[in-house]
PDB file of N, CA and C in Angstrom:
ATOM      1  N   UNK A   1      66.390-127.668 -79.519  1.00  0.00           N
ATOM      2  CA  UNK A   1      67.523-126.588 -79.923  1.00  0.00           C
ATOM      3  C   UNK A   1      66.999-125.755 -81.248  1.00  0.00           C
ATOM      4  N   UNK A   2      67.672-124.531 -81.288  1.00  0.00           N
ATOM      5  CA  UNK A   2      67.100-123.678 -82.080  1.00  0.00           C
ATOM      6  C   UNK A   2      68.198-123.590 -83.318  1.00  0.00           C
ATOM      7  N   UNK A   3      67.426-123.434 -84.438  1.00  0.00           N
ATOM      8  CA  UNK A   3      68.147-123.702 -85.914  1.00  0.00           C
ATOM      9  C   UNK A   3      67.713-122.812 -86.812  1.00  0.00           C
ATOM     10  N   UNK A   4      68.643-122.929 -88.110  1.00  0.00           N
ATOM     11  CA  UNK A   4      67.778-122.189 -89.227  1.00  0.00           C
ATOM     12  C   UNK A   4      67.511-123.159 -90.092  1.00  0.00           C
ATOM     13  N   UNK A   5      66.640-123.307 -90.876  1.00  0.00           N
ATOM     14  CA  UNK A   5      66.232-124.365 -91.809  1.00  0.00           C
ATOM     15  C   UNK A   5      66.977-124.374 -92.980  1.00  0.00           C
ATOM     16  N   UNK A   6      67.630-125.152 -93.439  1.00  0.00           N
ATOM     17  CA  UNK A   6      68.629-125.388 -94.713  1.00  0.00           C
ATOM     18  C   UNK A   6      67.932-125.495 -95.842  1.00  0.00           C
ATOM     19  N   UNK A   7      66.696-126.304 -95.885  1.00  0.00           N
ATOM     20  CA  UNK A   7      65.795-126.443 -97.028  1.00  0.00           C
ATOM     21  C   UNK A   7      64.381-126.415 -96.752  1.00  0.00           C
ATOM     22  N   UNK A   8      63.316-126.339 -97.459  1.00  0.00           N
ATOM     23  CA  UNK A   8      61.943-126.393 -97.269  1.00  0.00           C
ATOM     24  C   UNK A   8      61.572-127.788 -96.599  1.00  0.00           C
ATOM     25  N   UNK A   9      60.715-127.824 -95.648  1.00  0.00           N
ATOM     26  CA  UNK A   9      60.648-128.955 -95.012  1.00  0.00           C
ATOM     27  C   UNK A   9      58.988-129.374 -94.747  1.00  0.00           C
ATOM     28  N   UNK A  10      58.309-128.924 -95.558  1.00  0.00           N
ATOM     29  CA  UNK A  10      56.770-129.114 -95.451  1.00  0.00           C
ATOM     30  C   UNK A  10      56.015-128.348 -94.557  1.00  0.00           C
ATOM     31  N   UNK A  11      55.136-128.808 -93.912  1.00  0.00           N
ATOM     32  CA  UNK A  11      54.162-127.951 -93.062  1.00  0.00           C
ATOM     33  C   UNK A  11      54.242-128.187 -91.667  1.00  0.00           C
ATOM     34  N   UNK A  12      54.300-127.074 -90.911  1.00  0.00           N
ATOM     35  CA  UNK A  12      54.481-127.068 -89.422  1.00  0.00           C
ATOM     36  C   UNK A  12      53.014-127.416 -88.952  1.00  0.00           C
ATOM     37  N   UNK A  13      52.890-128.646 -87.947  1.00  0.00           N
ATOM     38  CA  UNK A  13      51.955-129.184 -87.491  1.00  0.00           C
ATOM     39  C   UNK A  13      51.200-128.413 -86.454  1.00  0.00           C
ATOM     40  N   UNK A  14      51.696-127.391 -86.044  1.00  0.00           N
ATOM     41  CA  UNK A  14      51.116-126.382 -85.078  1.00  0.00           C
ATOM     42  C   UNK A  14      50.330-125.406 -85.894  1.00  0.00           C
ATOM     43  N   UNK A  15      50.910-124.405 -86.872  1.00  0.00           N
ATOM     44  CA  UNK A  15      50.322-123.438 -87.371  1.00  0.00           C
ATOM     45  C   UNK A  15      49.718-123.755 -88.924  1.00  0.00           C
ATOM     46  N   UNK A  16      50.287-124.991 -89.371  1.00  0.00           N
ATOM     47  CA  UNK A  16      49.795-125.495 -90.837  1.00  0.00           C
ATOM     48  C   UNK A  16      50.403-124.546 -91.885  1.00  0.00           C
ATOM     49  N   UNK A  17      51.347-123.749 -91.593  1.00  0.00           N
ATOM     50  CA  UNK A  17      52.110-122.740 -92.528  1.00  0.00           C
ATOM     51  C   UNK A  17      53.294-123.677 -92.902  1.00  0.00           C
ATOM     52  N   UNK A  18      53.919-123.373 -93.985  1.00  0.00           N
ATOM     53  CA  UNK A  18      55.199-124.214 -94.578  1.00  0.00           C
ATOM     54  C   UNK A  18      56.224-123.762 -93.818  1.00  0.00           C
ATOM     55  N   UNK A  19      57.038-124.847 -93.738  1.00  0.00           N
ATOM     56  CA  UNK A  19      58.545-124.631 -93.098  1.00  0.00           C
ATOM     57  C   UNK A  19      59.319-124.384 -94.393  1.00  0.00           C
ATOM     58  N   UNK A  20      59.928-123.031 -94.424  1.00  0.00           N
ATOM     59  CA  UNK A  20      60.723-122.688 -95.597  1.00  0.00           C
ATOM     60  C   UNK A  20      62.100-122.320 -95.216  1.00  0.00           C
ATOM     61  N   UNK A  21      62.858-122.854 -96.266  1.00  0.00           N
ATOM     62  CA  UNK A  21      64.407-122.421 -96.130  1.00  0.00           C
ATOM     63  C   UNK A  21      64.606-121.071 -95.450  1.00  0.00           C
ATOM     64  N   UNK A  22      65.329-121.016 -94.393  1.00  0.00           N
ATOM     65  CA  UNK A  22      65.792-119.705 -93.936  1.00  0.00           C
ATOM     66  C   UNK A  22      65.020-119.377 -92.532  1.00  0.00           C
ATOM     67  N   UNK A  23      63.990-120.292 -92.470  1.00  0.00           N
ATOM     68  CA  UNK A  23      63.034-120.175 -91.150  1.00  0.00           C
ATOM     69  C   UNK A  23      63.699-120.508 -89.912  1.00  0.00           C
ATOM     70  N   UNK A  24      63.670-119.659 -89.011  1.00  0.00           N
ATOM     71  CA  UNK A  24      64.179-120.143 -87.471  1.00  0.00           C
ATOM     72  C   UNK A  24      63.333-121.350 -87.012  1.00  0.00           C
ATOM     73  N   UNK A  25      63.753-122.322 -86.635  1.00  0.00           N
ATOM     74  CA  UNK A  25      63.042-123.529 -86.184  1.00  0.00           C
ATOM     75  C   UNK A  25      63.523-124.048 -84.851  1.00  0.00           C
ATOM     76  N   UNK A  26      62.776-124.733 -84.103  1.00  0.00           N
ATOM     77  CA  UNK A  26      63.160-125.473 -82.935  1.00  0.00           C
ATOM     78  C   UNK A  26      63.266-126.999 -83.277  1.00  0.00           C
ATOM     79  N   UNK A  27      64.136-127.683 -82.968  1.00  0.00           N
ATOM     80  CA  UNK A  27      64.290-129.046 -83.317  1.00  0.00           C
ATOM     81  C   UNK A  27      64.236-129.905 -81.883  1.00  0.00           C
ATOM     82  N   UNK A  28      63.185-130.480 -81.897  1.00  0.00           N
ATOM     83  CA  UNK A  28      62.953-131.321 -80.399  1.00  0.00           C
ATOM     84  C   UNK A  28      63.584-132.460 -80.592  1.00  0.00           C
ATOM     85  N   UNK A  29      63.945-133.248 -79.239  1.00  0.00           N
ATOM     86  CA  UNK A  29      64.731-134.535 -79.261  1.00  0.00           C
ATOM     87  C   UNK A  29      64.136-135.635 -79.999  1.00  0.00           C
ATOM     88  N   UNK A  30      62.936-135.530 -80.384  1.00  0.00           N
ATOM     89  CA  UNK A  30      62.346-136.446 -81.416  1.00  0.00           C
ATOM     90  C   UNK A  30      62.514-136.096 -82.703  1.00  0.00           C
ATOM     91  N   UNK A  31      63.258-135.053 -82.879  1.00  0.00           N
ATOM     92  CA  UNK A  31      63.660-134.664 -84.433  1.00  0.00           C
ATOM     93  C   UNK A  31      62.643-133.992 -85.184  1.00  0.00           C
ATOM     94  N   UNK A  32      61.372-133.688 -84.341  1.00  0.00           N
ATOM     95  CA  UNK A  32      60.441-132.858 -85.082  1.00  0.00           C
ATOM     96  C   UNK A  32      60.836-131.519 -85.130  1.00  0.00           C
ATOM     97  N   UNK A  33      60.349-130.736 -85.964  1.00  0.00           N
ATOM     98  CA  UNK A  33      60.774-129.313 -86.206  1.00  0.00           C
ATOM     99  C   UNK A  33      59.461-128.505 -86.188  1.00  0.00           C
ATOM    100  N   UNK A  34      59.557-127.314 -85.658  1.00  0.00           N
ATOM    101  CA  UNK A  34      58.504-126.336 -85.610  1.00  0.00           C
ATOM    102  C   UNK A  34      59.005-124.789 -85.765  1.00  0.00           C
ATOM    103  N   UNK A  35      58.333-124.113 -86.181  1.00  0.00           N
ATOM    104  CA  UNK A  35      58.721-122.348 -86.226  1.00  0.00           C
ATOM    105  C   UNK A  35      58.895-121.983 -84.738  1.00  0.00           C
ATOM    106  N   UNK A  36      60.162-121.303 -84.641  1.00  0.00           N
ATOM    107  CA  UNK A  36      60.667-120.776 -83.228  1.00  0.00           C
ATOM    108  C   UNK A  36      60.925-119.462 -83.484  1.00  0.00           C
ATOM    109  N   UNK A  37      60.029-118.655 -82.575  1.00  0.00           N
ATOM    110  CA  UNK A  37      60.182-117.143 -82.816  1.00  0.00           C
ATOM    111  C   UNK A  37      59.985-116.581 -84.141  1.00  0.00           C
ATOM    112  N   UNK A  38      59.114-117.089 -84.964  1.00  0.00           N
ATOM    113  CA  UNK A  38      58.739-116.599 -86.085  1.00  0.00           C
ATOM    114  C   UNK A  38      57.663-115.606 -85.923  1.00  0.00           C
ATOM    115  N   UNK A  39      57.612-114.730 -86.938  1.00  0.00           N
ATOM    116  CA  UNK A  39      56.546-113.548 -86.748  1.00  0.00           C
ATOM    117  C   UNK A  39      55.475-113.972 -87.693  1.00  0.00           C
ATOM    118  N   UNK A  40      54.462-114.466 -87.340  1.00  0.00           N
ATOM    119  CA  UNK A  40      53.293-114.754 -88.195  1.00  0.00           C
ATOM    120  C   UNK A  40      52.164-113.878 -87.480  1.00  0.00           C
ATOM    121  N   UNK A  41      51.286-113.551 -88.546  1.00  0.00           N
ATOM    122  CA  UNK A  41      50.048-112.592 -88.077  1.00  0.00           C
ATOM    123  C   UNK A  41      48.905-113.389 -88.091  1.00  0.00           C
ATOM    124  N   UNK A  42      48.215-113.415 -86.976  1.00  0.00           N
ATOM    125  CA  UNK A  42      46.894-114.173 -86.732  1.00  0.00           C
ATOM    126  C   UNK A  42      46.117-113.090 -86.302  1.00  0.00           C
ATOM    127  N   UNK A  43      44.923-112.954 -87.148  1.00  0.00           N
ATOM    128  CA  UNK A  43      43.973-112.016 -86.968  1.00  0.00           C
ATOM    129  C   UNK A  43      42.918-112.539 -85.913  1.00  0.00           C
ATOM    130  N   UNK A  44      42.677-112.070 -85.012  1.00  0.00           N
ATOM    131  CA  UNK A  44      41.587-112.293 -84.133  1.00  0.00           C
ATOM    132  C   UNK A  44      40.425-111.519 -84.341  1.00  0.00           C
ATOM    133  N   UNK A  45      39.366-112.094 -84.982  1.00  0.00           N
ATOM    134  CA  UNK A  45      38.346-111.244 -85.666  1.00  0.00           C
ATOM    135  C   UNK A  45      37.428-110.690 -84.532  1.00  0.00           C
ATOM    136  N   UNK A  46      37.231-111.381 -83.481  1.00  0.00           N
ATOM    137  CA  UNK A  46      36.426-110.802 -82.484  1.00  0.00           C
ATOM    138  C   UNK A  46      36.942-109.573 -81.912  1.00  0.00           C
ATOM    139  N   UNK A  47      38.378-109.909 -81.568  1.00  0.00           N
ATOM    140  CA  UNK A  47      39.170-109.048 -80.682  1.00  0.00           C
ATOM    141  C   UNK A  47      39.709-107.672 -81.563  1.00  0.00           C
ATOM    142  N   UNK A  48      39.685-108.070 -83.076  1.00  0.00           N
ATOM    143  CA  UNK A  48      40.202-107.010 -83.918  1.00  0.00           C
ATOM    144  C   UNK A  48      41.603-106.623 -83.582  1.00  0.00           C
ATOM    145  N   UNK A  49      42.423-107.601 -83.313  1.00  0.00           N
ATOM    146  CA  UNK A  49      43.901-107.330 -83.108  1.00  0.00           C
ATOM    147  C   UNK A  49      44.813-108.239 -83.915  1.00  0.00           C
ATOM    148  N   UNK A  50      46.000-108.220 -84.004  1.00  0.00           N
ATOM    149  CA  UNK A  50      46.977-108.985 -84.715  1.00  0.00           C
ATOM    150  C   UNK A  50      47.847-109.446 -83.567  1.00  0.00           C
ATOM    151  N   UNK A  51      48.150-110.796 -83.528  1.00  0.00           N
ATOM    152  CA  UNK A  51      48.945-111.403 -82.574  1.00  0.00           C
ATOM    153  C   UNK A  51      50.441-111.968 -83.363  1.00  0.00           C
ATOM    154  N   UNK A  52      51.400-111.672 -82.752  1.00  0.00           N
ATOM    155  CA  UNK A  52      52.656-112.236 -83.302  1.00  0.00           C
ATOM    156  C   UNK A  52      53.022-113.528 -82.371  1.00  0.00           C
ATOM    157  N   UNK A  53      53.404-114.644 -83.146  1.00  0.00           N
ATOM    158  CA  UNK A  53      53.562-115.636 -82.332  1.00  0.00           C
ATOM    159  C   UNK A  53      54.673-116.534 -82.890  1.00  0.00           C
ATOM    160  N   UNK A  54      55.487-117.406 -82.031  1.00  0.00           N
ATOM    161  CA  UNK A  54      56.342-118.298 -82.509  1.00  0.00           C
ATOM    162  C   UNK A  54      55.521-119.772 -82.127  1.00  0.00           C
ATOM    163  N   UNK A  55      55.310-120.428 -83.267  1.00  0.00           N
ATOM    164  CA  UNK A  55      54.688-121.900 -82.865  1.00  0.00           C
ATOM    165  C   UNK A  55      54.929-122.432 -81.615  1.00  0.00           C
ATOM    166  N   UNK A  56      56.155-123.010 -81.556  1.00  0.00           N
ATOM    167  CA  UNK A  56      56.647-123.891 -80.670  1.00  0.00           C
ATOM    168  C   UNK A  56      56.421-123.171 -79.278  1.00  0.00           C
ATOM    169  N   UNK A  57      56.799-121.777 -79.206  1.00  0.00           N
ATOM    170  CA  UNK A  57      56.992-121.171 -78.140  1.00  0.00           C
ATOM    171  C   UNK A  57      55.380-120.995 -77.366  1.00  0.00           C
ATOM    172  N   UNK A  58      54.522-120.582 -78.340  1.00  0.00           N
ATOM    173  CA  UNK A  58      53.037-120.726 -77.876  1.00  0.00           C
ATOM    174  C   UNK A  58      52.781-121.944 -77.349  1.00  0.00           C
ATOM    175  N   UNK A  59      52.826-123.145 -78.154  1.00  0.00           N
ATOM    176  CA  UNK A  59      52.539-124.431 -77.775  1.00  0.00           C
ATOM    177  C   UNK A  59      53.201-124.995 -76.389  1.00  0.00           C
ATOM    178  N   UNK A  60      54.334-124.376 -76.235  1.00  0.00           N
ATOM    179  CA  UNK A  60      55.017-124.999 -74.588  1.00  0.00           C
ATOM    180  C   UNK A  60      54.394-124.179 -73.640  1.00  0.00           C
ATOM    181  N   UNK A  61      53.780-123.045 -73.847  1.00  0.00           N
ATOM    182  CA  UNK A  61      53.113-122.413 -72.742  1.00  0.00           C
ATOM    183  C   UNK A  61      52.076-123.125 -72.081  1.00  0.00           C
ATOM    184  N   UNK A  62      51.709-124.020 -72.944  1.00  0.00           N
ATOM    185  CA  UNK A  62      50.528-125.054 -72.172  1.00  0.00           C
ATOM    186  C   UNK A  62      50.758-126.365 -72.189  1.00  0.00           C
ATOM    187  N   UNK A  63      51.645-126.839 -72.969  1.00  0.00           N
ATOM    188  CA  UNK A  63      52.155-128.193 -73.219  1.00  0.00           C
ATOM    189  C   UNK A  63      53.456-128.538 -73.030  1.00  0.00           C
ATOM    190  N   UNK A  64      53.723-129.749 -72.649  1.00  0.00           N
ATOM    191  CA  UNK A  64      55.226-130.113 -72.304  1.00  0.00           C
ATOM    192  C   UNK A  64      55.733-131.089 -73.197  1.00  0.00           C
ATOM    193  N   UNK A  65      54.987-131.445 -74.162  1.00  0.00           N
ATOM    194  CA  UNK A  65      55.518-132.597 -75.052  1.00  0.00           C
ATOM    195  C   UNK A  65      55.282-132.066 -76.626  1.00  0.00           C
ATOM    196  N   UNK A  66      55.990-132.952 -77.327  1.00  0.00           N
ATOM    197  CA  UNK A  66      55.880-132.646 -78.874  1.00  0.00           C
ATOM    198  C   UNK A  66      54.495-132.932 -79.260  1.00  0.00           C
ATOM    199  N   UNK A  67      53.989-131.906 -80.217  1.00  0.00           N
ATOM    200  CA  UNK A  67      52.617-132.042 -80.733  1.00  0.00           C
ATOM    201  C   UNK A  67      52.356-133.301 -81.442  1.00  0.00           C
ATOM    202  N   UNK A  68      53.305-133.872 -82.076  1.00  0.00           N
ATOM    203  CA  UNK A  68      53.180-135.393 -82.724  1.00  0.00           C
ATOM    204  C   UNK A  68      53.482-136.344 -82.210  1.00  0.00           C
ATOM    205  N   UNK A  69      54.204-136.199 -80.973  1.00  0.00           N
ATOM    206  CA  UNK A  69      54.578-137.296 -80.201  1.00  0.00           C
ATOM    207  C   UNK A  69      54.276-137.214 -78.624  1.00  0.00           C
ATOM    208  N   UNK A  70      52.963-137.082 -78.407  1.00  0.00           N
ATOM    209  CA  UNK A  70      52.881-136.632 -77.131  1.00  0.00           C
ATOM    210  C   UNK A  70      53.189-137.377 -75.826  1.00  0.00           C
ATOM    211  N   UNK A  71      53.425-138.740 -76.307  1.00  0.00           N
ATOM    212  CA  UNK A  71      53.803-139.798 -75.183  1.00  0.00           C
ATOM    213  C   UNK A  71      55.277-139.812 -75.017  1.00  0.00           C
ATOM    214  N   UNK A  72      55.970-139.398 -75.786  1.00  0.00           N
ATOM    215  CA  UNK A  72      57.429-139.378 -75.618  1.00  0.00           C
ATOM    216  C   UNK A  72      58.035-138.412 -74.548  1.00  0.00           C
TER     217      UNK A  72
END
């Protein structure tokens, strides 16, 4: 489910950026949380472009399980 983080919660296991109060997050059934629809800039050096991603959105394009609990 989509939610807004009420307090800082450490590091996102996908992008390794801090999960900060006010960030939009996705809370999975296993209760793990990740950035959802966040706007992060990732420089693709070879392609010389900037990509905007939402961590869990990008993860679910190629995976169907929690990054930290793949067997759940």
